[in-house]
Amino acid sequence: MSTLFDIGGIVGGITAGIISDKLNGRAYTCGVMLIIGAGMMGLYNTYGSVSLTVNIVLLLITGAFVNGPYALITTAVSADLGTHEVLQGNSKALSTVTAIIDGTGSIGAAIGPLLTGIISQKSGWQSVFIMLISSNIIAVFCLIRLMIKETRQLRQEGGLLHSCCPLNNEKTAAAPTKY
C-alpha cells in the first residue's frame, strides 16, 4: 500500500516541474503544493480508514503533494543554486549544492522514522500526523521570502494568467475575436 504514496509522488514531481516551468516560480509551486500536502495529510489521517478505495485515492493524492515539492527542490532548485551568479567560475558548486540538499534530505529521512516511532509510542498516530503536517508548514515558512519574491515578479510580468496562458498576452489580446 505504501508504494501508492510513491506512485503519487512520481506524478506530483512531474506536475510540479511542469507548473514551475510554466509559472517560472519554483518556490511558489513548492509552497502551494506543501500547503495542499498538509491538508491532504489531515484528510488522510481522518478519512484514510473509511475504505480501501478512499485509502488508495488519498495515498496517491497525498504522495503527489508531498513528494512533488521534494522532487522539485532536489533537482531544479539545486541546479539553480549551483549555477547562481555568486558561484560563477566554480565548477564544483553544482555538486556541492546538490550534496548539501541531498544530505539534508538524508538527515530528514533518518530523523523522521525515529521521531515517528517515539511519537507514535508515546502519543499515538494522531500526533505523528500532527508532526508531519507541522513539518510541511515549517517548510512553507522557510519558502515565504522566495514565494513573495516570485509573486512580485509574476505581478510585474502581467500576472499568473499572462505567464502561463498564450490567450492572455498582448498579441492575442489585441487581435480581434473571430466567431
Protein backbone atom coordinates (compact mmCIF):
# COMPACT_ATOMS: atom_id res chain seq x y z
CA MET A 1 0.00 0.00 0.00
CA SER A 2 2.75 2.48 0.85
CA THR A 3 4.01 2.18 -2.73
CA LEU A 4 0.92 4.10 -3.80
CA PHE A 5 2.28 7.12 -1.95
CA ASP A 6 5.45 6.90 -4.08
CA ILE A 7 3.44 6.45 -7.29
CA GLY A 8 1.56 9.63 -6.41
CA GLY A 9 4.95 11.23 -5.78
CA ILE A 10 6.07 10.44 -9.34
CA VAL A 11 3.00 12.17 -10.74
CA GLY A 12 3.49 15.03 -8.28
CA GLY A 13 7.13 15.50 -9.25
CA ILE A 14 6.30 15.70 -12.94
CA THR A 15 3.36 18.02 -12.27
CA ALA A 16 5.47 20.27 -10.03
CA GLY A 17 8.11 20.54 -12.75
CA ILE A 18 5.57 21.43 -15.44
CA ILE A 19 3.81 24.01 -13.26
CA SER A 20 7.05 25.63 -12.09
CA ASP A 21 8.28 25.87 -15.68
CA LYS A 22 5.02 27.47 -16.81
CA LEU A 23 4.99 29.94 -13.91
CA ASN A 24 8.76 30.37 -13.63
CA GLY A 25 8.20 30.06 -9.90
CA ARG A 26 9.70 27.05 -8.19
CA ALA A 27 9.33 28.32 -4.62
CA TYR A 28 5.74 29.36 -5.25
CA THR A 29 4.92 25.95 -6.74
CA CYS A 30 6.61 24.15 -3.82
CA GLY A 31 4.89 26.34 -1.23
CA VAL A 32 1.41 25.84 -2.65
CA MET A 33 1.96 22.09 -3.01
CA LEU A 34 3.27 21.86 0.55
CA ILE A 35 0.20 23.65 1.89
CA ILE A 36 -2.11 21.35 -0.08
CA GLY A 37 0.02 18.39 1.08
CA ALA A 38 -0.50 19.39 4.71
CA GLY A 39 -4.24 19.47 4.13
CA MET A 40 -4.12 16.10 2.35
CA MET A 41 -2.26 14.54 5.28
CA GLY A 42 -5.01 15.79 7.56
CA LEU A 43 -7.64 14.30 5.26
CA TYR A 44 -5.75 11.02 5.08
CA ASN A 45 -5.49 10.89 8.86
CA THR A 46 -9.21 11.50 9.19
CA TYR A 47 -10.65 9.51 6.27
CA GLY A 48 -7.92 7.02 5.27
CA SER A 49 -9.57 4.22 7.24
CA VAL A 50 -13.06 4.69 5.73
CA SER A 51 -12.49 2.15 2.94
CA LEU A 52 -9.76 0.63 0.82
CA THR A 53 -10.74 2.81 -2.14
CA VAL A 54 -10.61 6.03 -0.11
CA ASN A 55 -7.27 4.95 1.37
CA ILE A 56 -5.80 4.33 -2.10
CA VAL A 57 -7.07 7.62 -3.56
CA LEU A 58 -5.86 9.65 -0.57
CA LEU A 59 -2.44 7.93 -0.62
CA LEU A 60 -1.98 8.77 -4.31
CA ILE A 61 -3.05 12.39 -3.92
CA THR A 62 -1.10 12.92 -0.69
CA GLY A 63 2.00 11.40 -2.27
CA ALA A 64 1.70 13.80 -5.20
CA PHE A 65 1.53 16.88 -2.99
CA VAL A 66 4.21 15.76 -0.52
CA ASN A 67 6.79 14.28 -2.91
CA GLY A 68 6.21 16.80 -5.72
CA PRO A 69 7.92 19.65 -3.88
CA TYR A 70 10.68 17.28 -2.74
CA ALA A 71 11.43 16.31 -6.34
CA LEU A 72 11.45 19.94 -7.42
CA ILE A 73 13.76 21.01 -4.59
CA THR A 74 16.28 18.20 -5.09
CA THR A 75 16.57 18.74 -8.84
CA ALA A 76 15.67 22.13 -10.26
CA VAL A 77 16.39 24.20 -7.16
CA SER A 78 19.79 22.60 -6.62
CA ALA A 79 20.64 23.24 -10.28
CA ASP A 80 19.53 26.88 -9.91
CA LEU A 81 21.61 27.34 -6.78
CA GLY A 82 24.63 25.64 -8.32
CA THR A 83 24.58 27.98 -11.30
CA HIS A 84 23.87 31.14 -9.28
CA GLU A 85 25.96 34.17 -10.27
CA VAL A 86 27.68 34.23 -6.86
CA LEU A 87 29.21 30.83 -7.66
CA GLN A 88 30.36 31.65 -11.22
CA GLY A 89 33.70 30.14 -12.09
CA ASN A 90 33.39 27.36 -9.53
CA SER A 91 32.73 24.14 -11.45
CA LYS A 92 32.31 22.15 -8.24
CA ALA A 93 29.49 24.38 -6.99
CA LEU A 94 26.64 22.36 -8.50
CA SER A 95 27.95 19.15 -6.97
CA THR A 96 28.42 20.80 -3.58
CA VAL A 97 24.96 22.37 -3.55
CA THR A 98 23.33 19.12 -4.67
CA ALA A 99 25.23 17.20 -1.98
CA ILE A 100 24.13 19.67 0.71
CA ILE A 101 20.47 19.40 -0.36
CA ASP A 102 20.59 15.60 -0.61
CA GLY A 103 22.49 15.35 2.68
CA THR A 104 19.89 17.49 4.41
CA GLY A 105 17.19 15.25 2.95
CA SER A 106 19.05 12.21 4.29
CA ILE A 107 19.09 13.74 7.76
CA GLY A 108 15.33 14.19 7.49
CA ALA A 109 14.96 10.62 6.27
CA ALA A 110 16.89 9.39 9.30
CA ILE A 111 15.17 11.58 11.89
CA GLY A 112 11.64 11.14 10.50
CA PRO A 113 11.26 7.42 11.30
CA LEU A 114 12.94 7.89 14.67
CA LEU A 115 10.50 10.65 15.63
CA THR A 116 7.60 8.63 14.22
CA GLY A 117 8.46 5.70 16.45
CA ILE A 118 8.90 7.82 19.55
CA ILE A 119 5.80 9.93 18.98
CA SER A 120 3.54 7.01 17.99
CA GLN A 121 4.51 5.05 21.12
CA LYS A 122 4.04 7.98 23.49
CA SER A 123 1.11 9.82 21.92
CA GLY A 124 -0.39 7.73 19.10
CA TRP A 125 -0.67 8.11 15.35
CA GLN A 126 -2.74 11.28 15.55
CA SER A 127 0.35 13.03 16.94
CA VAL A 128 2.52 11.59 14.15
CA PHE A 129 0.27 13.23 11.58
CA ILE A 130 0.42 16.49 13.51
CA MET A 131 4.23 16.27 13.33
CA LEU A 132 4.14 15.61 9.58
CA ILE A 133 1.68 18.43 8.92
CA SER A 134 3.78 20.76 11.09
CA SER A 135 6.87 19.83 9.08
CA ASN A 136 5.13 20.86 5.87
CA ILE A 137 4.03 24.15 7.41
CA ILE A 138 7.57 24.85 8.65
CA ALA A 139 8.85 24.18 5.12
CA VAL A 140 6.37 26.73 3.77
CA PHE A 141 7.62 29.30 6.29
CA CYS A 142 11.15 28.64 5.03
CA LEU A 143 9.97 29.39 1.48
CA ILE A 144 7.90 32.50 2.22
CA ARG A 145 10.60 35.03 1.23
CA LEU A 146 11.13 33.32 -2.11
CA MET A 147 7.38 32.93 -2.65
CA ILE A 148 6.86 36.67 -2.08
CA LYS A 149 9.71 37.49 -4.48
CA GLU A 150 8.27 35.23 -7.18
CA THR A 151 4.77 36.63 -6.65
CA ARG A 152 6.12 40.16 -7.18
CA GLN A 153 7.86 39.02 -10.35
CA LEU A 154 4.65 37.42 -11.62
CA ARG A 155 2.74 40.66 -10.98
CA GLN A 156 5.37 42.71 -12.83
CA GLU A 157 5.18 40.33 -15.78
CA GLY A 158 1.42 40.72 -16.03
CA GLY A 159 0.18 38.14 -13.59
CA LEU A 160 -0.33 34.42 -13.43
CA LEU A 161 -2.57 34.11 -16.49
CA HIS A 162 -0.18 36.19 -18.57
CA SER A 163 2.75 33.90 -17.77
CA CYS A 164 1.06 30.57 -18.43
CA CYS A 165 -1.71 31.17 -20.96
CA PRO A 166 -1.00 32.32 -24.51
CA LEU A 167 -4.54 33.70 -24.79
CA ASN A 168 -3.75 36.49 -22.35
CA ASN A 169 -0.61 38.00 -23.82
CA GLU A 170 -0.59 41.35 -25.65
CA LYS A 171 -0.54 39.96 -29.19
CA THR A 172 -3.61 37.79 -28.82
CA ALA A 173 -5.42 40.25 -26.56
CA ALA A 174 -5.17 42.95 -29.25
CA ALA A 175 -6.30 40.62 -32.05
CA PRO A 176 -9.99 40.71 -32.91
CA THR A 177 -12.05 37.72 -31.89
CA LYS A 178 -13.32 35.61 -34.81
CA TYR A 179 -16.55 33.70 -34.47
